[in-house]
Protein backbone atom coordinates (compact mmCIF):
# COMPACT_ATOMS: atom_id res chain seq x y z
CA UNK A 1 0.00 0.00 0.00
CA UNK A 2 1.20 3.46 -0.85
CA UNK A 3 1.58 5.88 2.05
CA UNK A 4 1.59 9.60 1.40
CA UNK A 5 2.56 11.59 4.43
CA UNK A 6 2.60 15.34 4.87
CA UNK A 7 5.94 16.56 6.22
CA UNK A 8 6.74 19.99 7.54
CA UNK A 9 9.85 21.48 9.04
CA UNK A 10 10.86 24.62 10.87
CA UNK A 11 13.79 26.18 12.65
CA UNK A 12 13.71 28.85 15.35
CA UNK A 13 16.24 30.66 17.51
CA UNK A 14 16.19 29.45 21.12
CA UNK A 15 19.37 31.14 22.35
CA UNK A 16 19.30 31.71 26.07
CA UNK A 17 21.54 33.86 28.23
CA UNK A 18 25.16 33.89 27.04
CA UNK A 19 27.16 35.72 29.68
CA UNK A 20 27.76 35.20 33.37
CA UNK A 21 25.83 31.94 33.41
CA UNK A 22 27.06 28.43 34.08
CA UNK A 23 26.91 26.14 31.09
CA UNK A 24 25.13 22.79 31.19
CA UNK A 25 27.33 20.06 32.58
CA UNK A 26 30.23 22.25 33.71
CA UNK A 27 31.21 20.98 37.13
CA UNK A 28 32.86 24.23 38.19
CA UNK A 29 30.36 26.97 39.19
CA UNK A 30 33.04 29.61 38.58
CA UNK A 31 33.34 28.57 34.93
CA UNK A 32 30.72 30.74 33.22
CA UNK A 33 29.90 31.97 29.75
CA UNK A 34 31.47 35.20 28.57
CA UNK A 35 29.51 35.91 25.42
CA UNK A 36 27.94 34.41 22.37
CA UNK A 37 29.87 32.34 19.83
CA UNK A 38 26.98 30.63 18.01
CA UNK A 39 23.22 30.96 18.39
CA UNK A 40 21.15 27.96 19.47
CA UNK A 41 18.33 26.67 17.30
CA UNK A 42 15.42 24.29 17.61
CA UNK A 43 14.73 22.25 14.47
CA UNK A 44 11.25 20.75 14.26
CA UNK A 45 9.86 18.13 11.92
CA UNK A 46 6.15 17.28 11.84
CA UNK A 47 4.84 14.22 10.05
CA UNK A 48 1.11 13.94 9.44
CA UNK A 49 -0.98 11.12 8.04
CA UNK A 50 -3.64 12.79 5.86
CA UNK A 51 -5.89 9.73 6.15
CA UNK A 52 -5.97 9.40 9.95
CA UNK A 53 -5.02 13.04 10.70
CA UNK A 54 -2.52 11.76 13.26
CA UNK A 55 0.69 13.75 13.70
CA UNK A 56 4.12 13.28 15.20
CA UNK A 57 6.47 16.15 16.06
CA UNK A 58 10.21 15.60 16.49
CA UNK A 59 12.26 18.55 17.76
CA UNK A 60 16.05 18.54 18.00
CA UNK A 61 17.51 21.38 20.04
CA UNK A 62 21.02 22.80 20.16
CA UNK A 63 21.27 21.95 23.82
CA UNK A 64 22.68 19.31 26.09
CA UNK A 65 19.35 17.48 26.24
CA UNK A 66 15.66 18.08 26.73
CA UNK A 67 14.25 18.53 30.20
CA UNK A 68 10.89 17.65 31.65
CA UNK A 69 10.18 21.22 32.81
CA UNK A 70 10.80 22.65 29.32
CA UNK A 71 8.89 19.81 27.63
CA UNK A 72 5.86 20.33 29.89
CA UNK A 73 5.90 24.05 29.20
CA UNK A 74 6.10 23.41 25.44
CA UNK A 75 3.21 20.93 25.65
CA UNK A 76 1.13 23.54 27.51
CA UNK A 77 1.89 26.13 24.82
CA UNK A 78 0.96 23.63 22.09
CA UNK A 79 -2.29 22.75 23.88
CA UNK A 80 -3.30 26.41 24.05
CA UNK A 81 -2.60 26.91 20.34
CA UNK A 82 -3.64 23.55 18.83
CA UNK A 83 -5.94 21.91 21.39
CA UNK A 84 -5.39 18.15 21.69
CA UNK A 85 -3.42 17.75 18.44
CA UNK A 86 -0.03 17.56 20.19
CA UNK A 87 0.46 15.68 23.46
CA UNK A 88 3.19 13.83 25.30
CA UNK A 89 2.27 10.82 23.13
CA UNK A 90 3.27 12.43 19.83
CA UNK A 91 5.89 15.07 20.67
CA UNK A 92 9.56 14.17 21.07
CA UNK A 93 12.13 16.79 22.13
CA UNK A 94 15.78 15.81 22.14
CA UNK A 95 19.15 17.54 22.17
CA UNK A 96 22.40 17.44 20.25
CA UNK A 97 24.25 17.02 23.56
CA UNK A 98 26.53 20.00 23.84
CA UNK A 99 27.95 21.47 27.02
CA UNK A 100 28.38 24.91 25.46
CA UNK A 101 24.86 26.09 26.18
CA UNK A 102 23.29 27.64 29.28
CA UNK A 103 22.43 25.48 32.24
CA UNK A 104 19.59 25.82 34.71
CA UNK A 105 16.76 24.36 32.63
CA UNK A 106 16.12 21.21 34.67
CA UNK A 107 13.80 20.51 37.56
CA UNK A 108 16.25 18.10 39.19
CA UNK A 109 18.75 19.39 41.75
CA UNK A 110 21.71 17.36 40.48
CA UNK A 111 21.58 19.00 37.03
CA UNK A 112 21.15 22.51 38.45
CA UNK A 113 23.77 22.50 41.23
CA UNK A 114 26.41 24.44 39.32
CA UNK A 115 23.88 26.97 37.99
CA UNK A 116 22.64 27.41 41.57
CA UNK A 117 19.11 26.36 40.64
CA UNK A 118 16.79 26.92 37.75
CA UNK A 119 17.44 29.85 35.42
CA UNK A 120 14.07 31.11 34.26
CA UNK A 121 15.63 33.09 31.39
CA UNK A 122 17.03 29.85 29.94
CA UNK A 123 13.78 27.91 30.48
CA UNK A 124 11.74 30.63 28.75
CA UNK A 125 14.18 30.97 25.82
CA UNK A 126 14.12 27.20 25.28
CA UNK A 127 10.33 26.82 25.56
CA UNK A 128 9.60 29.81 23.31
CA UNK A 129 12.21 28.67 20.75
CA UNK A 130 10.85 25.17 20.57
């Protein structure tokens, strides 16, 4: 059987704070960013089945990894805009795994120790960019 899927793609800037912030995965709290070398982007791909109207969204971010707090915020934003089209069942957010991006976007203490907790500016930049 022939399957014709609809495929869309998009890319958006999700650059968070770039100076005087600890980067994700740096074990030394004194080692902080001192400016911007490259911007961070989110790259999204949506695949839709025109017969069933089911969709799947895959987003790859220029970040160490996705976090639950950012993913939940993105899902809330999608729900407001698209209703029940996108849920935790059909949205996947993943990262390129780089340590040269801002930290503080996790809800777990271990990941946010060196950034001295969550950094709302990073969380908002990530969620809005995705």
